[in-house]
Amino acid sequence: MAEIKASDLFVKALENEGVEYIFGVPGEENLDFLDSLRTSTIKLILTRHEQGAGFMAATYGRLTGKPGVCLATLGPGATNFVTPAAYAQLGAMPMVMITGQKPIKKSKQGRFQIVDIVGMMEPITKFAHQIVNANTIPAVIREAFRLAEEERPGAVHLELPEDIAAERADSDRLFAVRRPRRPDCGVVALEEAATMIRAAKHPLLLVGAGANRKTVIEALSGFIEKTGIPFFNTQMGKGAIGGHDRLYMGTAALSDGDYLHCAIARADLIINAGHDVVEKPPFLMEPGGTQVIHVNFNTAAVDEVYFPQLELIGDVASTFVRLTDMLDPVPGHDFDYFMRVGALVREHMAEGADDPRFPPVPQRLVADVRKVMPDDGIIALDNGMYKIWFARNYRCTQPNTVLLDNALATMGAGLPSAMMASMLNPGRRVMAICGDGGFMMNSQEMETAVRLKLDLVVLVLCDNSYGMIRWKQAVGEFPDWGLEFGNPDFVTYAQSYGAKGCRVERTEDFAPLLERCFAEGGVHLVEAPVDYSENKRVLIDELSEKICLI
């Protein structure tokens, strides 16, 4: 057991966890750690802001199921991790944040830049811990990664003070990385669920955020294929299941007034796969009303409008595999109404797909993006009005090809998320879709994308305002006031970073322009104006009335 420098031990423990990348902006309090990283197998991805690093790390966790790792210094560097921490925590993305700190045993700088980062992180992480003894590093890191991955996944934070990083540990012994099998649901509960499904006349499957896991996707698809039960998804459940067009009813994208709500109300049994409290369920339970089977890794949170009659607790993939084995298509099931709703939704999704107006309406933008993206292409959405249009109208055919956030729903995450998707999936088409407001919050990461030589198209939809809030103003009958701004010349802005920039001048040129950008490769920014006059149709429209009257 050799003596070892603490920062070297820290990096070896990260290697032991299989860490490939660390995203971040180091500071002087990280210098020992940085020097240890210099000779490591781990690649340092230097970003232009800690938010960009955090969003990339969270998206790594989302796409791989393994914690992404990000690095910042003390004080302002660490406080810039607050939004990514909440993003990962609410979105159930495994992530480990490492921050520096001034020496804790002896310091000559008083309170300069010192903030209680551990105390700040505790409410928005699963685990926040300051390392005060080099010998504890292997155990603390193993615990941090275990907690980050464990259902429900999320963010953890480790603080490595400058003097602790420089001291010596007594041993270089590391802990074996074991990922235990999750417990299976009990057979009695499974048999009761199968009985409820056979007895129902109009069952529906809801795919929520907690079912959007790599291990669950195949099991859900097998369940749908064998039982023929129609399904729909929440925004965060979008992309968990691809294909099965005939049985897919669409995305319940809104909390109230969504065109699927009338259809959902006709179900007499809802199989709720992966309900997550971060998303309001697109139905409200009432005593004596629709029955609900809760299928998840954890028990249902207590809620006055969500009290499932049966809970199947355990590994969700295993639960659906075993439940599928117990079931066959049920002759008494009547899906005629749901099939008609699904057909109406598909017709509605096609409306406006060839609208020639300029600036383009959202329906045309979504349709043209869908045309140029192959089945395995990935779109990463920032947050704005367009997110609802894409959540509803963009059809997935393969899992994890639509990355959106309806948990923290923060602006500024779209570009870093797309960058991470491009890094992990070379050779696949990847597009960041941002509003002009959200894009400017982390647009400096364009330099990082160029430096990393990514193949990436960044679509910036311009309405020169915070459009979703303007929509809310209109819905609430407030005056249209206070939310407009100016923009830089985005084409020149992209070129200043070494990227390619172009502007949509005619609606009919939009799809061919995207095709040319992807064919050429590299980082491209496409500036497109958008006509949001159609936003009123996102709420109550003629489709909602049709579905409710069927």
Protein backbone atom coordinates (compact mmCIF):
# COMPACT_ATOMS: atom_id res chain seq x y z
CA MET A 1 0.00 0.00 0.00
CA ALA A 2 1.93 2.99 -1.29
CA GLU A 3 1.63 6.53 0.00
CA ILE A 4 0.13 8.83 -2.64
CA LYS A 5 -0.68 12.49 -3.17
CA ALA A 6 -4.35 13.17 -2.48
CA SER A 7 -5.09 14.72 -5.88
CA ASP A 8 -3.47 11.73 -7.61
CA LEU A 9 -5.61 9.40 -5.50
CA PHE A 10 -8.72 11.43 -6.39
CA VAL A 11 -8.03 11.12 -10.12
CA LYS A 12 -7.25 7.39 -9.81
CA ALA A 13 -10.57 6.92 -8.03
CA LEU A 14 -12.32 8.69 -10.91
CA GLU A 15 -10.53 6.43 -13.40
CA ASN A 16 -11.66 3.49 -11.29
CA GLU A 17 -15.27 4.67 -11.85
CA GLY A 18 -14.75 4.63 -15.62
CA VAL A 19 -14.78 8.41 -16.05
CA GLU A 20 -13.99 9.40 -19.65
CA TYR A 21 -14.33 13.18 -19.56
CA ILE A 22 -14.28 16.04 -17.10
CA PHE A 23 -15.96 19.23 -18.31
CA GLY A 24 -15.04 22.46 -16.64
CA VAL A 25 -13.28 25.73 -15.94
CA PRO A 26 -10.46 25.16 -13.41
CA GLY A 27 -9.10 27.79 -11.02
CA GLU A 28 -6.03 28.15 -8.84
CA GLU A 29 -7.64 26.06 -6.08
CA ASN A 30 -7.78 23.14 -8.56
CA LEU A 31 -4.11 23.26 -9.63
CA ASP A 32 -2.99 20.09 -7.82
CA PHE A 33 -6.02 18.26 -9.19
CA LEU A 34 -5.34 19.65 -12.67
CA ASP A 35 -1.73 18.47 -12.56
CA SER A 36 -2.86 14.99 -11.54
CA LEU A 37 -5.37 15.02 -14.38
CA ARG A 38 -2.60 15.93 -16.85
CA THR A 39 -1.20 12.38 -16.83
CA SER A 40 -4.59 10.66 -16.55
CA THR A 41 -6.58 8.70 -19.12
CA ILE A 42 -9.44 11.15 -18.47
CA LYS A 43 -9.87 13.90 -21.05
CA LEU A 44 -10.35 17.45 -19.83
CA ILE A 45 -12.94 19.34 -21.89
CA LEU A 46 -12.37 23.03 -21.21
CA THR A 47 -15.57 25.04 -21.57
CA ARG A 48 -16.18 28.80 -21.64
CA HIS A 49 -18.56 28.85 -18.68
CA GLU A 50 -19.28 26.51 -15.79
CA GLN A 51 -22.93 26.28 -16.87
CA GLY A 52 -21.86 24.81 -20.20
CA ALA A 53 -19.67 22.28 -18.38
CA GLY A 54 -22.51 21.30 -16.05
CA PHE A 55 -25.07 20.91 -18.82
CA MET A 56 -22.64 18.75 -20.83
CA ALA A 57 -21.94 16.55 -17.81
CA ALA A 58 -25.65 16.16 -17.05
CA THR A 59 -26.39 15.21 -20.67
CA TYR A 60 -23.56 12.66 -20.59
CA GLY A 61 -25.33 11.11 -17.60
CA ARG A 62 -28.69 11.25 -19.35
CA LEU A 63 -27.42 9.48 -22.47
CA THR A 64 -25.09 6.90 -20.92
CA GLY A 65 -26.65 6.22 -17.51
CA LYS A 66 -23.19 6.85 -15.96
CA PRO A 67 -22.46 10.04 -14.01
CA GLY A 68 -21.00 12.89 -16.02
CA VAL A 69 -18.29 14.82 -14.21
CA CYS A 70 -17.68 18.58 -14.16
CA LEU A 71 -15.10 20.79 -12.47
CA ALA A 72 -15.08 24.36 -11.14
CA THR A 73 -13.10 26.41 -8.68
CA LEU A 74 -14.42 27.95 -5.48
CA GLY A 75 -16.73 30.97 -5.10
CA PRO A 76 -18.09 32.25 -8.44
CA GLY A 77 -17.02 29.13 -10.31
CA ALA A 78 -18.94 26.91 -7.92
CA THR A 79 -22.00 29.17 -7.79
CA ASN A 80 -22.21 28.89 -11.58
CA PHE A 81 -22.92 25.18 -11.05
CA VAL A 82 -26.19 25.86 -9.22
CA THR A 83 -28.38 25.83 -12.34
CA PRO A 84 -26.80 22.67 -13.84
CA ALA A 85 -27.09 21.00 -10.43
CA ALA A 86 -30.82 21.70 -10.33
CA TYR A 87 -31.10 20.69 -14.00
CA ALA A 88 -29.57 17.28 -13.28
CA GLN A 89 -31.38 16.81 -9.98
CA LEU A 90 -34.87 17.60 -11.27
CA GLY A 91 -34.24 15.86 -14.58
CA ALA A 92 -32.88 12.67 -12.94
CA MET A 93 -29.52 12.85 -14.72
CA PRO A 94 -26.53 11.33 -12.87
CA MET A 95 -23.81 13.94 -12.44
CA VAL A 96 -20.80 14.53 -10.13
CA MET A 97 -19.62 18.11 -9.54
CA ILE A 98 -16.13 18.76 -8.18
CA THR A 99 -15.27 22.18 -6.81
CA GLY A 100 -12.18 23.64 -5.13
CA GLN A 101 -11.90 25.59 -1.91
CA LYS A 102 -9.31 27.64 -0.03
CA PRO A 103 -7.15 25.74 2.48
CA ILE A 104 -9.29 24.69 5.43
CA LYS A 105 -6.49 24.08 7.95
CA LYS A 106 -4.73 27.41 7.58
CA SER A 107 -5.42 30.37 5.31
CA LYS A 108 -3.98 33.89 4.98
CA GLN A 109 -6.73 35.28 2.77
CA GLY A 110 -9.59 35.69 5.22
CA ARG A 111 -12.97 35.23 3.56
CA PHE A 112 -11.85 36.14 0.02
CA GLN A 113 -14.12 34.28 -2.46
CA ILE A 114 -15.22 31.87 0.27
CA VAL A 115 -18.86 30.79 0.11
CA ASP A 116 -20.34 27.79 1.88
CA ILE A 117 -20.69 25.80 -1.33
CA VAL A 118 -21.50 22.52 0.39
CA GLY A 119 -24.33 24.18 2.32
CA MET A 120 -25.53 25.85 -0.86
CA MET A 121 -25.57 22.56 -2.79
CA GLU A 122 -27.26 20.40 -0.16
CA PRO A 123 -30.87 21.37 -1.04
CA ILE A 124 -30.38 20.76 -4.78
CA THR A 125 -28.29 17.57 -4.77
CA LYS A 126 -28.51 14.02 -3.46
CA PHE A 127 -25.21 14.37 -1.64
CA ALA A 128 -22.85 17.28 -0.92
CA HIS A 129 -19.60 16.69 0.94
CA GLN A 130 -16.35 18.47 1.76
CA ILE A 131 -13.31 16.20 1.81
CA VAL A 132 -11.26 16.89 4.95
CA ASN A 133 -8.96 13.86 4.97
CA ALA A 134 -7.08 12.46 1.98
CA ASN A 135 -7.50 8.90 3.26
CA THR A 136 -11.28 9.07 2.81
CA ILE A 137 -11.15 9.95 -0.90
CA PRO A 138 -11.73 6.44 -2.37
CA ALA A 139 -14.75 5.78 -0.13
CA VAL A 140 -16.27 9.23 -0.67
CA ILE A 141 -15.96 8.99 -4.46
CA ARG A 142 -17.44 5.48 -4.57
CA GLU A 143 -20.36 6.70 -2.44
CA ALA A 144 -20.85 9.79 -4.59
CA PHE A 145 -21.04 7.77 -7.81
CA ARG A 146 -23.30 5.19 -6.20
CA LEU A 147 -25.77 7.85 -5.13
CA ALA A 148 -25.63 9.72 -8.44
CA GLU A 149 -26.59 6.54 -10.34
CA GLU A 150 -29.06 5.09 -7.87
CA GLU A 151 -32.74 5.59 -8.73
CA ARG A 152 -33.85 8.28 -8.76
CA PRO A 153 -30.54 9.51 -10.37
CA GLY A 154 -29.34 13.04 -9.80
CA ALA A 155 -26.55 15.43 -8.91
CA VAL A 156 -23.88 15.05 -6.23
CA HIS A 157 -21.20 17.52 -5.16
CA LEU A 158 -17.68 17.03 -3.81
CA GLU A 159 -15.50 19.86 -2.53
CA LEU A 160 -11.72 19.27 -2.57
CA PRO A 161 -9.94 22.03 -0.60
CA GLU A 162 -6.55 23.19 -1.84
CA ASP A 163 -4.54 21.96 1.15
CA ILE A 164 -6.25 18.55 1.22
CA ALA A 165 -5.50 18.06 -2.49
CA ALA A 166 -1.79 18.62 -1.79
CA GLU A 167 -1.42 16.35 1.24
CA ARG A 168 -0.43 12.67 1.26
CA ALA A 169 -2.77 9.72 1.69
CA ASP A 170 -1.57 6.61 3.50
CA SER A 171 -2.76 4.19 0.85
CA ASP A 172 -3.66 4.02 -2.86
CA ARG A 173 -6.27 1.28 -2.28
CA LEU A 174 -9.48 1.78 -4.28
CA PHE A 175 -12.95 0.32 -3.85
CA ALA A 176 -14.32 -2.16 -6.38
CA VAL A 177 -17.08 -0.69 -8.52
CA ARG A 178 -20.15 -2.89 -8.26
CA ARG A 179 -23.48 -1.94 -9.75
CA PRO A 180 -25.98 -4.11 -7.89
CA ARG A 181 -29.06 -5.58 -9.53
CA ARG A 182 -32.17 -3.67 -8.58
CA PRO A 183 -34.84 -5.64 -6.72
CA ASP A 184 -37.66 -7.20 -8.74
CA CYS A 185 -41.35 -6.55 -8.18
CA GLY A 186 -43.13 -9.27 -6.21
CA VAL A 187 -45.12 -11.88 -8.13
CA VAL A 188 -48.34 -11.26 -6.16
CA ALA A 189 -48.40 -7.60 -7.24
CA LEU A 190 -47.65 -8.60 -10.85
CA GLU A 191 -50.53 -11.09 -10.87
CA GLU A 192 -52.87 -8.43 -9.46
CA ALA A 193 -51.76 -6.02 -12.20
CA ALA A 194 -52.36 -8.63 -14.90
CA THR A 195 -55.86 -9.23 -13.48
CA MET A 196 -56.62 -5.49 -13.54
CA ILE A 197 -55.40 -5.20 -17.14
CA ARG A 198 -57.54 -8.17 -18.26
CA ALA A 199 -60.59 -6.73 -16.52
CA ALA A 200 -60.25 -3.25 -18.02
CA LYS A 201 -62.07 -2.30 -21.21
CA HIS A 202 -60.12 0.84 -22.20
CA PRO A 203 -56.59 0.62 -20.72
CA LEU A 204 -53.87 3.13 -21.67
CA LEU A 205 -50.10 3.15 -21.09
CA LEU A 206 -48.52 6.42 -19.96
CA VAL A 207 -44.75 6.73 -20.48
CA GLY A 208 -43.30 9.23 -18.00
CA ALA A 209 -39.86 10.62 -17.23
CA GLY A 210 -38.81 7.68 -15.04
CA ALA A 211 -39.35 5.24 -17.91
CA ASN A 212 -36.96 7.13 -20.18
CA ARG A 213 -33.99 4.95 -19.28
CA LYS A 214 -31.81 2.90 -21.61
CA THR A 215 -32.63 -0.32 -19.76
CA VAL A 216 -36.41 0.23 -19.83
CA ILE A 217 -36.96 1.11 -23.49
CA GLU A 218 -36.83 -2.41 -24.96
CA ALA A 219 -39.08 -3.84 -22.24
CA LEU A 220 -41.75 -1.17 -22.81
CA SER A 221 -41.69 -1.76 -26.54
CA GLY A 222 -42.17 -5.50 -26.03
CA PHE A 223 -45.13 -4.87 -23.71
CA ILE A 224 -46.87 -2.66 -26.28
CA GLU A 225 -46.18 -5.03 -29.13
CA LYS A 226 -47.64 -8.05 -27.34
CA THR A 227 -50.64 -6.46 -25.60
CA GLY A 228 -51.63 -3.94 -28.27
CA ILE A 229 -52.39 -1.36 -25.56
CA PRO A 230 -52.21 2.23 -26.91
CA PHE A 231 -49.77 4.63 -25.28
CA PHE A 232 -48.90 8.28 -24.92
CA ASN A 233 -46.09 10.12 -23.18
CA THR A 234 -45.28 13.20 -21.15
CA GLN A 235 -42.69 15.66 -22.44
CA MET A 236 -39.90 14.02 -20.43
CA GLY A 237 -41.11 10.58 -21.53
CA LYS A 238 -40.80 11.54 -25.20
CA GLY A 239 -38.30 9.38 -27.01
CA ALA A 240 -38.53 6.42 -24.63
CA ILE A 241 -40.37 4.41 -27.27
CA GLY A 242 -39.92 4.65 -31.01
CA GLY A 243 -42.17 3.27 -33.73
CA HIS A 244 -45.54 1.63 -33.01
CA ASP A 245 -47.20 4.51 -34.91
CA ARG A 246 -50.62 2.87 -34.97
CA LEU A 247 -50.77 2.65 -31.16
CA TYR A 248 -49.20 6.02 -30.37
CA MET A 249 -51.61 8.75 -29.30
CA GLY A 250 -49.09 11.58 -28.93
CA THR A 251 -47.45 13.78 -26.31
CA ALA A 252 -49.38 15.33 -23.45
CA ALA A 253 -47.37 18.53 -23.60
CA LEU A 254 -49.43 20.80 -21.36
CA SER A 255 -50.70 20.61 -17.79
CA ASP A 256 -54.18 21.82 -18.73
CA GLY A 257 -56.18 22.14 -21.91
CA ASP A 258 -54.12 19.67 -23.90
CA TYR A 259 -55.85 17.95 -26.79
CA LEU A 260 -55.07 14.55 -25.29
CA HIS A 261 -56.75 15.22 -21.95
CA CYS A 262 -60.26 14.34 -23.17
CA ALA A 263 -58.94 11.07 -24.58
CA ILE A 264 -57.07 10.19 -21.40
CA ALA A 265 -60.26 10.81 -19.41
CA ARG A 266 -61.98 7.98 -21.35
CA ALA A 267 -59.54 5.36 -20.06
CA ASP A 268 -60.74 3.09 -17.26
CA LEU A 269 -57.18 1.97 -16.41
CA ILE A 270 -53.92 3.88 -16.78
CA ILE A 271 -50.66 1.95 -16.53
CA ASN A 272 -48.33 4.74 -15.43
CA ALA A 273 -44.76 3.76 -16.33
CA GLY A 274 -42.16 5.94 -14.67
CA HIS A 275 -44.31 8.61 -13.06
CA ASP A 276 -42.02 11.34 -11.77
CA VAL A 277 -43.21 13.98 -9.32
CA VAL A 278 -41.36 16.61 -11.34
CA GLU A 279 -44.08 16.21 -13.98
CA LYS A 280 -47.73 16.77 -13.18
CA PRO A 281 -49.61 13.69 -14.44
CA PRO A 282 -51.85 14.55 -17.42
CA PHE A 283 -54.88 13.33 -15.48
CA LEU A 284 -56.41 14.03 -12.09
CA MET A 285 -57.62 11.05 -10.08
CA GLU A 286 -60.95 11.09 -8.26
CA PRO A 287 -62.42 8.52 -5.86
CA GLY A 288 -64.32 5.90 -7.85
CA GLY A 289 -62.78 7.10 -11.12
CA THR A 290 -60.07 5.74 -13.41
CA GLN A 291 -57.89 3.04 -11.89
CA VAL A 292 -54.11 3.59 -11.97
CA ILE A 293 -51.24 1.09 -11.79
CA HIS A 294 -48.01 2.83 -10.74
CA VAL A 295 -44.91 1.14 -12.20
CA ASN A 296 -41.64 2.58 -10.99
CA PHE A 297 -38.40 2.05 -9.13
CA ASN A 298 -39.88 3.80 -6.09
CA THR A 299 -43.25 4.11 -4.42
CA ALA A 300 -45.68 6.85 -5.46
CA ALA A 301 -45.31 10.21 -3.74
CA VAL A 302 -48.37 11.20 -1.74
CA ASP A 303 -50.54 13.61 -3.72
CA GLU A 304 -54.18 14.62 -3.40
CA VAL A 305 -54.81 13.93 -7.09
CA TYR A 306 -52.52 10.91 -7.54
CA PHE A 307 -53.24 7.85 -5.41
CA PRO A 308 -52.68 4.71 -7.51
CA GLN A 309 -54.69 1.62 -6.62
CA LEU A 310 -51.70 -0.66 -7.25
CA GLU A 311 -47.97 -0.05 -7.16
CA LEU A 312 -45.44 -2.28 -8.93
CA ILE A 313 -42.15 -1.35 -7.27
CA GLY A 314 -38.81 -2.61 -8.51
CA ASP A 315 -36.69 -2.56 -11.63
CA VAL A 316 -39.04 -1.12 -14.27
CA ALA A 317 -37.54 -3.08 -17.16
CA SER A 318 -37.83 -6.36 -15.29
CA THR A 319 -41.39 -5.49 -14.22
CA PHE A 320 -42.55 -4.98 -17.80
CA VAL A 321 -40.75 -8.07 -19.10
CA ARG A 322 -42.44 -10.26 -16.49
CA LEU A 323 -45.82 -8.55 -16.89
CA THR A 324 -45.60 -9.06 -20.66
CA ASP A 325 -44.99 -12.78 -20.13
CA MET A 326 -48.21 -12.98 -18.09
CA LEU A 327 -50.40 -11.27 -20.68
CA ASP A 328 -51.84 -11.89 -24.11
CA PRO A 329 -54.09 -9.62 -26.18
CA VAL A 330 -57.42 -9.37 -24.34
CA PRO A 331 -60.55 -9.87 -26.51
CA GLY A 332 -62.56 -7.56 -24.23
CA HIS A 333 -60.28 -4.56 -24.76
CA ASP A 334 -61.87 -1.83 -26.87
CA PHE A 335 -59.35 0.58 -28.40
CA ASP A 336 -61.52 1.95 -31.21
CA TYR A 337 -61.83 5.41 -29.65
CA PHE A 338 -58.10 5.64 -28.93
CA MET A 339 -57.29 4.57 -32.49
CA ARG A 340 -59.49 7.37 -33.85
CA VAL A 341 -57.82 9.87 -31.51
CA GLY A 342 -54.38 8.73 -32.66
CA ALA A 343 -55.39 9.16 -36.30
CA LEU A 344 -56.70 12.68 -35.58
CA VAL A 345 -53.48 13.60 -33.78
CA ARG A 346 -51.38 12.37 -36.72
CA GLU A 347 -53.52 14.44 -39.10
CA HIS A 348 -53.13 17.44 -36.83
CA MET A 349 -49.34 16.99 -36.68
CA ALA A 350 -49.28 17.20 -40.48
CA GLU A 351 -51.24 20.47 -40.59
CA GLY A 352 -49.07 23.43 -41.52
CA ALA A 353 -46.21 21.16 -42.64
CA ASP A 354 -46.23 22.81 -46.07
CA ASP A 355 -47.40 26.28 -45.00
CA PRO A 356 -45.56 28.70 -47.36
CA ARG A 357 -45.72 31.79 -45.14
CA PHE A 358 -42.55 33.69 -44.30
CA PRO A 359 -41.43 33.97 -41.56
CA PRO A 360 -42.15 30.24 -41.16
CA VAL A 361 -44.80 29.09 -38.68
CA PRO A 362 -43.69 26.53 -36.05
CA GLN A 363 -45.51 23.64 -37.76
CA ARG A 364 -43.46 24.16 -40.94
CA LEU A 365 -40.22 24.45 -39.00
CA VAL A 366 -40.90 21.20 -37.13
CA ALA A 367 -41.87 19.38 -40.33
CA ASP A 368 -38.78 20.54 -42.21
CA VAL A 369 -36.46 19.59 -39.35
CA ARG A 370 -38.11 16.16 -39.28
CA LYS A 371 -37.47 15.81 -43.04
CA VAL A 372 -33.72 16.35 -42.76
CA MET A 373 -33.17 14.33 -39.57
CA PRO A 374 -32.73 10.58 -40.13
CA ASP A 375 -34.32 8.12 -37.72
CA ASP A 376 -31.18 8.13 -35.55
CA GLY A 377 -30.71 11.91 -35.72
CA ILE A 378 -30.78 13.74 -32.39
CA ILE A 379 -32.38 17.09 -31.65
CA ALA A 380 -31.57 18.89 -28.37
CA LEU A 381 -34.15 21.52 -27.46
CA ASP A 382 -33.52 24.58 -25.37
CA ASN A 383 -36.54 26.07 -23.58
CA GLY A 384 -39.06 28.30 -25.26
CA MET A 385 -42.33 28.24 -27.14
CA TYR A 386 -40.87 26.04 -29.89
CA LYS A 387 -40.25 23.30 -27.32
CA ILE A 388 -44.01 22.68 -27.02
CA TRP A 389 -44.38 22.57 -30.80
CA PHE A 390 -41.55 20.04 -31.12
CA ALA A 391 -42.82 18.01 -28.15
CA ARG A 392 -46.19 17.65 -29.88
CA ASN A 393 -45.41 17.56 -33.59
CA TYR A 394 -41.96 15.95 -33.91
CA ARG A 395 -42.35 12.19 -34.23
CA CYS A 396 -39.63 9.97 -32.75
CA THR A 397 -38.87 6.67 -34.40
CA GLN A 398 -35.89 5.75 -32.21
CA PRO A 399 -35.32 6.22 -28.46
CA ASN A 400 -33.40 9.19 -27.09
CA THR A 401 -33.50 11.15 -30.33
CA VAL A 402 -35.37 14.09 -28.73
CA LEU A 403 -33.60 15.66 -25.75
CA LEU A 404 -35.82 18.14 -23.98
CA ASP A 405 -36.09 19.34 -20.41
CA ASN A 406 -39.46 19.79 -18.78
CA ALA A 407 -38.16 19.41 -15.23
CA LEU A 408 -36.12 22.50 -14.39
CA ALA A 409 -36.98 23.74 -17.92
CA THR A 410 -34.01 26.08 -17.90
CA MET A 411 -32.91 28.21 -20.79
CA GLY A 412 -29.30 27.93 -21.97
CA ALA A 413 -28.99 24.12 -21.90
CA GLY A 414 -29.81 23.34 -25.54
CA LEU A 415 -26.41 24.06 -27.11
CA PRO A 416 -24.26 22.25 -24.47
CA SER A 417 -26.66 19.27 -24.54
CA ALA A 418 -26.35 19.01 -28.31
CA MET A 419 -22.56 19.26 -28.07
CA MET A 420 -22.51 16.31 -25.68
CA ALA A 421 -24.82 14.30 -27.94
CA SER A 422 -22.50 15.00 -30.88
CA MET A 423 -19.41 13.94 -28.90
CA LEU A 424 -21.03 10.65 -27.90
CA ASN A 425 -22.52 9.92 -31.32
CA PRO A 426 -20.00 10.78 -34.06
CA GLY A 427 -21.42 10.18 -37.50
CA ARG A 428 -25.02 10.87 -36.46
CA ARG A 429 -26.82 14.11 -37.28
CA VAL A 430 -27.22 16.29 -34.21
CA MET A 431 -29.05 19.61 -34.05
CA ALA A 432 -29.39 22.14 -31.22
CA ILE A 433 -32.70 24.01 -31.45
CA CYS A 434 -32.69 27.24 -29.48
CA GLY A 435 -34.59 30.47 -29.24
CA ASP A 436 -32.63 33.69 -29.55
CA GLY A 437 -33.09 34.26 -25.80
CA GLY A 438 -31.86 30.84 -24.66
CA PHE A 439 -29.05 30.66 -27.21
CA MET A 440 -27.46 33.88 -25.97
CA MET A 441 -27.33 32.56 -22.42
CA ASN A 442 -24.55 30.09 -23.31
CA SER A 443 -23.66 31.05 -26.89
CA GLN A 444 -19.98 31.30 -25.93
CA GLU A 445 -19.84 27.50 -26.06
CA MET A 446 -19.83 27.83 -29.86
CA GLU A 447 -16.05 28.26 -29.45
CA THR A 448 -15.88 25.02 -27.49
CA ALA A 449 -17.85 23.19 -30.21
CA VAL A 450 -15.50 24.51 -32.90
CA ARG A 451 -12.40 23.64 -30.86
CA LEU A 452 -13.71 20.09 -30.35
CA LYS A 453 -14.25 19.81 -34.13
CA LEU A 454 -17.85 18.69 -33.65
CA ASP A 455 -20.33 18.09 -36.44
CA LEU A 456 -23.29 20.12 -35.26
CA VAL A 457 -26.05 22.34 -36.61
CA VAL A 458 -27.32 25.05 -34.26
CA LEU A 459 -30.75 26.35 -35.25
CA VAL A 460 -31.54 29.73 -33.68
CA LEU A 461 -35.21 30.70 -33.93
CA CYS A 462 -35.56 34.46 -33.72
CA ASP A 463 -38.55 36.47 -32.53
CA ASN A 464 -36.48 39.13 -30.72
CA SER A 465 -38.27 38.49 -27.45
CA TYR A 466 -38.83 36.05 -24.62
CA GLY A 467 -41.64 34.51 -26.64
CA MET A 468 -43.06 31.99 -24.18
CA ILE A 469 -43.61 34.66 -21.57
CA ARG A 470 -45.22 36.92 -24.19
CA TRP A 471 -47.54 33.98 -24.95
CA LYS A 472 -48.36 33.69 -21.26
CA GLN A 473 -49.04 37.43 -21.17
CA ALA A 474 -51.50 37.01 -24.04
CA VAL A 475 -53.19 33.97 -22.48
CA GLY A 476 -53.56 35.84 -19.18
CA GLU A 477 -54.83 38.95 -20.98
CA PHE A 478 -51.93 41.07 -19.76
CA PRO A 479 -50.59 43.91 -21.91
CA ASP A 480 -47.80 42.89 -24.32
CA TRP A 481 -44.99 44.72 -22.56
CA GLY A 482 -41.39 44.44 -21.37
CA LEU A 483 -40.14 41.30 -23.12
CA GLU A 484 -38.58 42.41 -26.42
CA PHE A 485 -34.85 42.76 -27.08
CA GLY A 486 -32.32 43.19 -29.88
CA ASN A 487 -29.96 40.56 -31.27
CA PRO A 488 -26.49 40.50 -32.80
CA ASP A 489 -26.00 39.52 -36.41
CA PHE A 490 -25.98 35.78 -35.71
CA VAL A 491 -24.28 34.89 -39.00
CA THR A 492 -21.31 37.16 -38.26
CA TYR A 493 -21.40 36.07 -34.62
CA ALA A 494 -21.00 32.39 -35.61
CA GLN A 495 -18.20 33.23 -38.03
CA SER A 496 -16.32 35.09 -35.30
CA TYR A 497 -16.00 31.75 -33.46
CA GLY A 498 -14.79 29.93 -36.56
CA ALA A 499 -18.18 28.34 -37.25
CA LYS A 500 -20.23 28.70 -40.44
CA GLY A 501 -23.23 30.99 -40.35
CA CYS A 502 -26.25 31.33 -42.64
CA ARG A 503 -29.68 32.91 -42.57
CA VAL A 504 -33.06 31.63 -43.78
CA GLU A 505 -34.42 34.17 -46.29
CA ARG A 506 -37.29 32.12 -47.75
CA THR A 507 -39.36 29.36 -46.17
CA GLU A 508 -38.80 26.99 -49.09
CA ASP A 509 -35.04 27.29 -48.60
CA PHE A 510 -35.06 26.11 -44.98
CA ALA A 511 -34.86 22.32 -45.40
CA PRO A 512 -32.34 22.44 -48.31
CA LEU A 513 -30.17 24.79 -46.23
CA LEU A 514 -30.13 22.36 -43.30
CA GLU A 515 -29.22 19.53 -45.68
CA ARG A 516 -26.26 21.49 -47.03
CA CYS A 517 -25.01 22.24 -43.52
CA PHE A 518 -25.09 18.59 -42.49
CA ALA A 519 -23.47 17.48 -45.75
CA GLU A 520 -20.61 19.94 -45.28
CA GLY A 521 -19.89 18.95 -41.66
CA GLY A 522 -18.43 21.07 -38.88
CA VAL A 523 -20.29 23.59 -36.74
CA HIS A 524 -23.02 25.58 -38.48
CA LEU A 525 -25.39 28.20 -37.10
CA VAL A 526 -28.67 28.67 -38.98
CA GLU A 527 -30.62 31.80 -38.09
CA ALA A 528 -34.34 31.51 -38.84
CA PRO A 529 -37.15 33.93 -38.08
CA VAL A 530 -40.34 32.42 -36.66
CA ASP A 531 -43.96 33.52 -36.83
CA TYR A 532 -45.55 32.73 -33.46
CA SER A 533 -49.03 33.94 -34.41
CA GLU A 534 -50.07 30.27 -34.35
CA ASN A 535 -49.32 29.95 -30.62
CA LYS A 536 -52.96 30.35 -29.67
CA ARG A 537 -53.56 26.94 -31.30
CA VAL A 538 -51.33 25.29 -28.70
CA LEU A 539 -54.16 25.61 -26.20
CA ILE A 540 -57.81 24.87 -26.90
CA ASP A 541 -58.27 24.40 -30.64
CA GLU A 542 -60.56 22.56 -33.01
CA LEU A 543 -58.72 19.26 -32.44
CA SER A 544 -59.51 19.33 -28.71
CA GLU A 545 -63.16 19.86 -29.54
CA LYS A 546 -63.15 16.99 -32.06
CA ILE A 547 -61.56 14.58 -29.58
CA CYS A 548 -63.94 15.55 -26.78
CA LEU A 549 -66.96 15.12 -29.06
CA ILE A 550 -66.05 11.70 -30.47
